[in-house]
Protein backbone atom coordinates (compact mmCIF):
# COMPACT_ATOMS: atom_id res chain seq x y z
CA MET A 1 -0.37 0.06 -0.03
CA SER A 2 1.43 3.37 -1.03
CA SER A 3 2.63 6.45 1.30
CA LEU A 4 1.27 9.38 2.55
CA LEU A 5 -2.02 10.31 -0.30
CA ASP A 6 -1.77 13.68 -2.56
CA VAL A 7 -4.84 15.13 -1.39
CA GLU A 8 -6.42 18.01 -3.58
CA ALA A 9 -6.86 21.52 -1.52
CA PRO A 10 -10.88 22.23 -1.57
CA ALA A 11 -12.26 24.93 -3.46
CA ASP A 12 -13.38 26.58 0.15
CA SER A 13 -10.07 27.48 1.62
CA SER A 14 -12.04 27.22 5.38
CA VAL A 15 -12.25 24.12 5.00
CA ARG A 16 -9.61 21.98 6.92
CA LEU A 17 -8.77 18.32 5.57
CA PRO A 18 -7.85 15.88 7.59
CA VAL A 19 -4.11 14.85 7.89
CA ILE A 20 -4.01 11.66 6.68
CA GLN A 21 -0.04 9.52 7.20
CA PRO A 22 0.86 6.08 7.03
CA TRP A 23 0.88 4.01 10.47
CA LYS A 24 2.69 0.89 10.06
CA PRO A 25 4.53 -0.09 6.56
CA ALA A 26 2.32 -2.89 6.18
CA LEU A 27 -0.88 -1.54 6.31
CA GLY A 28 -2.78 1.58 8.13
CA ALA A 29 -2.63 5.60 8.27
CA VAL A 30 -3.20 7.93 11.23
CA VAL A 31 -6.18 10.33 11.34
CA THR A 32 -5.45 13.59 12.71
CA GLY A 33 -7.21 17.16 12.23
CA LEU A 34 -10.74 15.53 11.78
CA GLN A 35 -13.74 17.87 11.92
CA LEU A 36 -17.07 16.71 12.47
CA ASP A 37 -19.61 19.41 11.77
CA SER A 38 -23.08 18.65 13.16
CA GLY A 39 -22.05 14.63 12.53
CA ARG A 40 -20.60 15.16 9.07
CA LEU A 41 -17.76 15.45 6.85
CA SER A 42 -17.35 17.89 4.08
CA SER A 43 -17.27 16.13 0.69
CA GLY A 44 -13.62 17.08 0.37
CA ALA A 45 -12.86 15.47 4.07
CA ARG A 46 -14.79 12.00 2.82
CA ASP A 47 -13.47 11.63 -0.19
CA ALA A 48 -10.01 11.62 1.58
CA LEU A 49 -11.01 9.54 4.23
CA VAL A 50 -12.23 7.02 1.65
CA ARG A 51 -9.12 7.04 -0.44
CA ALA A 52 -7.10 6.58 2.47
CA LEU A 53 -9.35 3.56 3.82
CA LEU A 54 -9.19 2.08 -0.10
CA ASP A 55 -5.11 2.92 -0.30
CA TYR A 56 -4.07 1.86 3.47
CA GLY A 57 -6.36 -0.35 4.77
CA ALA A 58 -7.20 0.75 7.78
CA LEU A 59 -8.22 4.20 9.45
CA VAL A 60 -6.46 5.21 12.78
CA PHE A 61 -7.96 7.65 15.17
CA GLU A 62 -6.70 8.43 18.49
CA PRO A 63 -8.22 9.07 21.58
CA GLY A 64 -11.02 12.02 21.57
CA VAL A 65 -11.11 12.11 17.78
CA LEU A 66 -14.14 10.22 17.90
CA GLY A 67 -16.99 9.36 20.40
CA PRO A 68 -19.69 6.80 21.29
CA GLN A 69 -21.54 8.37 18.83
CA SER A 70 -19.71 10.38 16.58
CA PHE A 71 -17.91 7.34 15.66
CA THR A 72 -21.30 5.87 14.25
CA SER A 73 -21.97 9.20 12.46
CA LEU A 74 -18.02 8.43 10.75
CA LEU A 75 -19.02 5.27 9.38
CA ALA A 76 -22.25 6.47 7.98
CA GLU A 77 -20.24 8.32 6.00
CA PHE A 78 -18.44 5.61 4.26
CA GLY A 79 -21.93 3.27 3.47
CA GLU A 80 -24.82 2.04 4.81
CA VAL A 81 -24.12 0.98 8.87
CA SER A 82 -25.16 -2.67 9.15
CA LEU A 83 -25.47 -3.94 12.85
CA TYR A 84 -23.65 -7.04 13.49
CA ALA A 85 -24.60 -8.38 16.80
CA GLY A 86 -25.97 -11.71 18.70
CA PRO A 87 -26.56 -13.14 22.28
CA LYS A 88 -23.53 -13.03 23.73
CA THR A 89 -22.68 -9.33 21.78
CA PRO A 90 -25.35 -7.19 22.31
CA THR A 91 -26.48 -3.72 20.99
CA ALA A 92 -24.91 -0.75 22.81
CA ALA A 93 -27.66 0.67 25.33
CA ASP A 94 -26.58 4.12 24.26
CA ASN A 95 -25.66 3.67 20.35
CA ALA A 96 -28.51 1.08 18.51
CA ASN A 97 -26.21 1.20 15.51
CA VAL A 98 -23.61 -0.29 17.26
CA ASN A 99 -22.74 -4.27 19.29
CA ILE A 100 -20.46 -4.45 22.48
CA VAL A 101 -17.62 -6.41 22.05
CA ASP A 102 -16.81 -7.22 25.73
CA SER A 103 -14.34 -9.61 27.58
CA SER A 104 -16.37 -10.31 30.82
CA SER A 105 -19.32 -12.31 28.90
CA LYS A 106 -17.93 -12.61 25.83
CA ARG A 107 -16.13 -16.00 24.70
CA GLN A 108 -12.89 -14.84 23.83
CA ALA A 109 -11.04 -17.83 22.69
CA ARG A 110 -12.21 -17.11 18.64
CA ASN A 111 -10.84 -13.32 18.59
CA PHE A 112 -7.56 -14.61 18.87
CA LEU A 113 -7.88 -16.88 15.24
CA TRP A 114 -7.47 -14.85 12.35
CA HIS A 115 -10.59 -13.46 10.69
CA ILE A 116 -12.78 -11.34 8.41
CA ASP A 117 -15.69 -10.52 9.99
CA GLN A 118 -18.79 -12.66 8.65
CA ALA A 119 -16.20 -14.37 5.81
CA PHE A 120 -18.49 -17.44 6.45
CA ARG A 121 -21.21 -15.63 4.43
CA ALA A 122 -21.53 -14.41 0.52
CA ASP A 123 -21.69 -10.84 1.73
CA PRO A 124 -19.97 -9.78 4.78
CA PRO A 125 -19.25 -6.33 5.90
CA SER A 126 -17.26 -4.20 3.66
CA LEU A 127 -15.77 -2.05 6.85
CA THR A 128 -15.33 -3.32 10.46
CA ALA A 129 -14.66 -0.81 13.21
CA LEU A 130 -13.74 -0.94 16.70
CA TYR A 131 -14.28 2.22 19.14
CA GLY A 132 -12.35 1.30 22.91
CA GLN A 133 -14.83 2.02 25.18
CA GLU A 134 -13.02 0.42 28.36
CA VAL A 135 -9.50 -1.52 27.64
CA PRO A 136 -6.70 -2.80 29.88
CA SER A 137 -4.05 -1.21 31.23
CA PHE A 138 -1.68 -3.52 29.48
CA GLY A 139 -2.20 -6.25 27.15
CA GLY A 140 -5.16 -6.83 24.78
CA ASP A 141 -3.83 -5.67 21.60
CA THR A 142 -4.98 -5.96 17.93
CA LEU A 143 -3.18 -7.58 15.49
CA PHE A 144 -3.98 -6.89 11.64
CA SER A 145 -2.63 -8.27 8.12
CA ASN A 146 -3.03 -7.00 4.71
CA ALA A 147 -3.87 -9.95 2.21
CA VAL A 148 -2.79 -7.78 -0.57
CA LEU A 149 0.26 -8.06 0.45
CA ALA A 150 0.51 -11.49 1.97
CA TYR A 151 -0.35 -12.67 -2.63
CA GLU A 152 2.10 -10.27 -3.49
CA ARG A 153 4.44 -12.10 -1.41
CA LEU A 154 4.36 -15.45 -2.53
CA ASP A 155 6.33 -17.42 -4.96
CA PRO A 156 5.08 -16.72 -8.44
CA HIS A 157 4.21 -19.93 -9.70
CA PHE A 158 2.64 -20.71 -6.23
CA ALA A 159 0.43 -17.76 -6.37
CA ALA A 160 -0.47 -18.81 -9.79
CA TYR A 161 -1.13 -22.56 -8.92
CA ILE A 162 -3.61 -21.86 -5.91
CA GLU A 163 -5.49 -19.01 -8.66
CA THR A 164 -7.26 -22.13 -9.78
CA LEU A 165 -8.20 -23.60 -6.89
CA THR A 166 -11.55 -22.89 -4.46
CA ALA A 167 -11.95 -22.67 -0.59
CA VAL A 168 -15.32 -23.98 1.58
CA HIS A 169 -16.21 -21.75 4.26
CA TYR A 170 -18.33 -22.58 7.45
CA TRP A 171 -19.47 -20.21 10.19
CA ASP A 172 -19.07 -23.23 13.02
CA ALA A 173 -15.82 -24.34 11.02
CA THR A 174 -13.71 -24.53 14.81
CA GLY A 175 -16.93 -23.80 16.94
CA HIS A 176 -18.47 -20.62 16.52
CA ILE A 177 -22.21 -21.54 16.42
CA ALA A 178 -21.64 -24.12 19.74
CA ASP A 179 -19.84 -21.04 21.16
CA ARG A 180 -22.69 -18.54 20.35
CA PHE A 181 -25.76 -20.09 20.88
CA ASP A 182 -26.17 -22.05 24.61
CA ASP A 183 -29.96 -23.37 23.10
CA PRO A 184 -29.29 -26.61 21.25
CA ALA A 185 -32.53 -25.93 18.79
CA GLU A 186 -30.92 -22.44 17.96
CA ALA A 187 -27.88 -23.72 17.26
CA GLY A 188 -29.17 -26.14 14.62
CA ARG A 189 -30.79 -23.67 13.15
CA GLN A 190 -28.59 -21.29 12.81
CA ARG A 191 -26.48 -23.91 10.91
CA ALA A 192 -29.09 -24.81 8.95
CA ILE A 193 -29.22 -21.28 7.48
CA ASN A 194 -25.90 -20.57 7.76
CA ALA A 195 -24.82 -23.33 4.93
CA PRO A 196 -21.01 -23.32 3.87
CA ILE A 197 -19.93 -20.94 1.18
CA GLU A 198 -17.20 -21.17 -1.75
CA THR A 199 -15.10 -18.95 -2.78
CA PRO A 200 -11.76 -18.62 -4.70
CA LEU A 201 -8.74 -18.96 -3.19
CA VAL A 202 -7.31 -15.74 -4.48
CA ARG A 203 -10.08 -12.91 -4.78
CA VAL A 204 -9.92 -9.51 -6.61
CA HIS A 205 -11.09 -6.46 -4.42
CA PRO A 206 -14.32 -5.23 -5.94
CA GLU A 207 -12.75 -1.30 -5.66
CA THR A 208 -9.14 -1.41 -6.12
CA GLY A 209 -8.64 -4.35 -8.31
CA ARG A 210 -5.98 -5.73 -6.28
CA LYS A 211 -5.30 -9.61 -5.75
CA GLN A 212 -5.53 -10.99 -2.25
CA LEU A 213 -5.38 -14.03 -0.47
CA PHE A 214 -8.99 -14.92 0.83
CA VAL A 215 -8.32 -17.86 3.65
CA ASN A 216 -8.77 -17.51 7.03
CA GLU A 217 -8.18 -19.77 10.46
CA SER A 218 -11.51 -18.94 11.41
CA TYR A 219 -13.98 -20.16 8.52
CA THR A 220 -12.10 -21.71 6.38
CA THR A 221 -12.76 -25.55 6.48
CA TYR A 222 -10.79 -27.13 3.03
CA ILE A 223 -9.72 -26.50 -0.37
CA LYS A 224 -12.16 -28.50 -3.11
CA ASN A 225 -10.65 -30.74 -5.69
CA VAL A 226 -7.55 -31.77 -4.16
CA SER A 227 -6.94 -34.41 -1.05
CA ARG A 228 -7.44 -33.84 2.31
CA THR A 229 -3.97 -33.59 3.48
CA THR A 230 -2.85 -31.35 0.27
CA SER A 231 -5.62 -29.21 1.47
CA GLN A 232 -4.31 -29.05 5.30
CA HIS A 233 -0.84 -28.45 3.89
CA LEU A 234 -2.00 -25.55 1.13
CA LEU A 235 -3.93 -24.28 4.26
CA GLY A 236 -1.06 -24.23 6.63
CA ILE A 237 1.13 -22.48 3.95
CA LEU A 238 -1.63 -19.82 3.31
CA PHE A 239 -2.07 -19.16 7.08
CA GLU A 240 1.27 -18.88 7.79
CA ALA A 241 1.25 -16.28 4.98
CA ILE A 242 -1.54 -14.11 6.38
CA LYS A 243 0.72 -14.35 9.98
CA GLU A 244 4.12 -12.99 8.55
CA PRO A 245 5.37 -10.19 10.47
CA GLU A 246 5.92 -8.18 7.53
CA VAL A 247 2.73 -8.31 6.36
CA GLU A 248 1.37 -7.22 10.28
CA ALA A 249 0.61 -3.98 11.82
CA ARG A 250 -0.17 -4.15 15.93
CA PHE A 251 -2.27 -1.93 17.54
CA THR A 252 -2.22 -0.83 21.77
CA TRP A 253 -5.17 0.27 22.90
CA GLN A 254 -6.05 3.67 24.96
CA PRO A 255 -9.51 4.52 25.92
CA GLY A 256 -11.18 6.64 22.97
CA ALA A 257 -9.20 5.52 20.11
CA ALA A 258 -10.90 3.68 17.26
CA VAL A 259 -9.89 1.78 13.79
CA LEU A 260 -11.38 1.36 10.99
CA TRP A 261 -10.51 -0.94 8.45
CA ASP A 262 -11.53 -2.92 4.88
CA ASN A 263 -12.63 -6.15 5.86
CA ARG A 264 -12.30 -7.84 2.55
CA VAL A 265 -8.49 -7.33 2.34
CA VAL A 266 -7.28 -6.50 5.99
CA GLN A 267 -7.80 -9.53 9.17
CA HIS A 268 -7.74 -9.38 12.55
CA ARG A 269 -7.44 -11.26 15.86
CA GLY A 270 -6.84 -10.01 19.34
CA ILE A 271 -4.61 -11.03 21.62
CA GLY A 272 -5.31 -12.39 24.87
CA ASP A 273 -2.89 -11.21 27.46
CA PHE A 274 -4.27 -9.18 29.41
CA ALA A 275 -4.67 -11.17 32.49
CA GLY A 276 -8.32 -10.91 33.68
CA GLN A 277 -8.45 -7.20 33.51
CA ARG A 278 -12.37 -5.96 31.09
CA ARG A 279 -11.82 -5.29 27.81
CA VAL A 280 -14.89 -3.46 25.88
CA PHE A 281 -15.50 -2.47 22.27
CA TYR A 282 -17.97 -0.74 20.29
CA ARG A 283 -18.16 -2.59 17.28
CA GLY A 284 -19.80 -1.62 13.78
CA CYS A 285 -19.82 -2.48 10.16
CA VAL A 286 -20.85 -0.94 6.89
CA ARG A 287 -21.55 -2.19 3.66
CA ARG A 288 -20.46 -0.27 0.41
């Protein structure tokens, strides 16, 4: 992903565009100087942020830039805000457009697997964002990975081969449904309405046209039309490609910080090293 964007100044010189600077070599940009006028962005600021998100994959907002309400106001500038809640990730009491991910009530084991949110669906959200409502005093970082860069680092002959293959993804591949739904009847209903889906192993981003790996530890079950052993070994290679330090970025949370990322290409996972402390996020999703 390229360097600092060259954003054209708006015709109205009174409108101040946010400053967008690279965050980590693999992905991400830090946004400062953001102005929300009655919860809305100027068209110039919106265009700059959309371009930066597509270019860098993730936008980082330091504490004080956004609040619980302006967090979702900002998300609405990128598309349709889409609630992604469940029995253990309820809707926030003070914001109907986000759900709460609370370490005190949600089983965390699945959060620590690399994943794309809702990659088991044919239409997962385009963007995901987290707002740090309550964060540990130490530990509990989030890792992000650039699946475009992971693909580009593959040997070209190997990359050409995996482009011919198809992967199967399933919500309960690593026990998500069993963890989320305590009622066996409801768990069975969710399995019935969330059948496995198939996607190419290498996918083209719908807006940037860049090729990327499209497998993840949490939901990818197997590769079609190869032996079980071959599938397991290929997935192992690709899972490791997603984890390489060269394609990762690590975010250390502070109260009031937020990260918005392109869920179509950036994978993430939590780090469960916060030793019994509480971690509460507001999570919002966007469809473009």
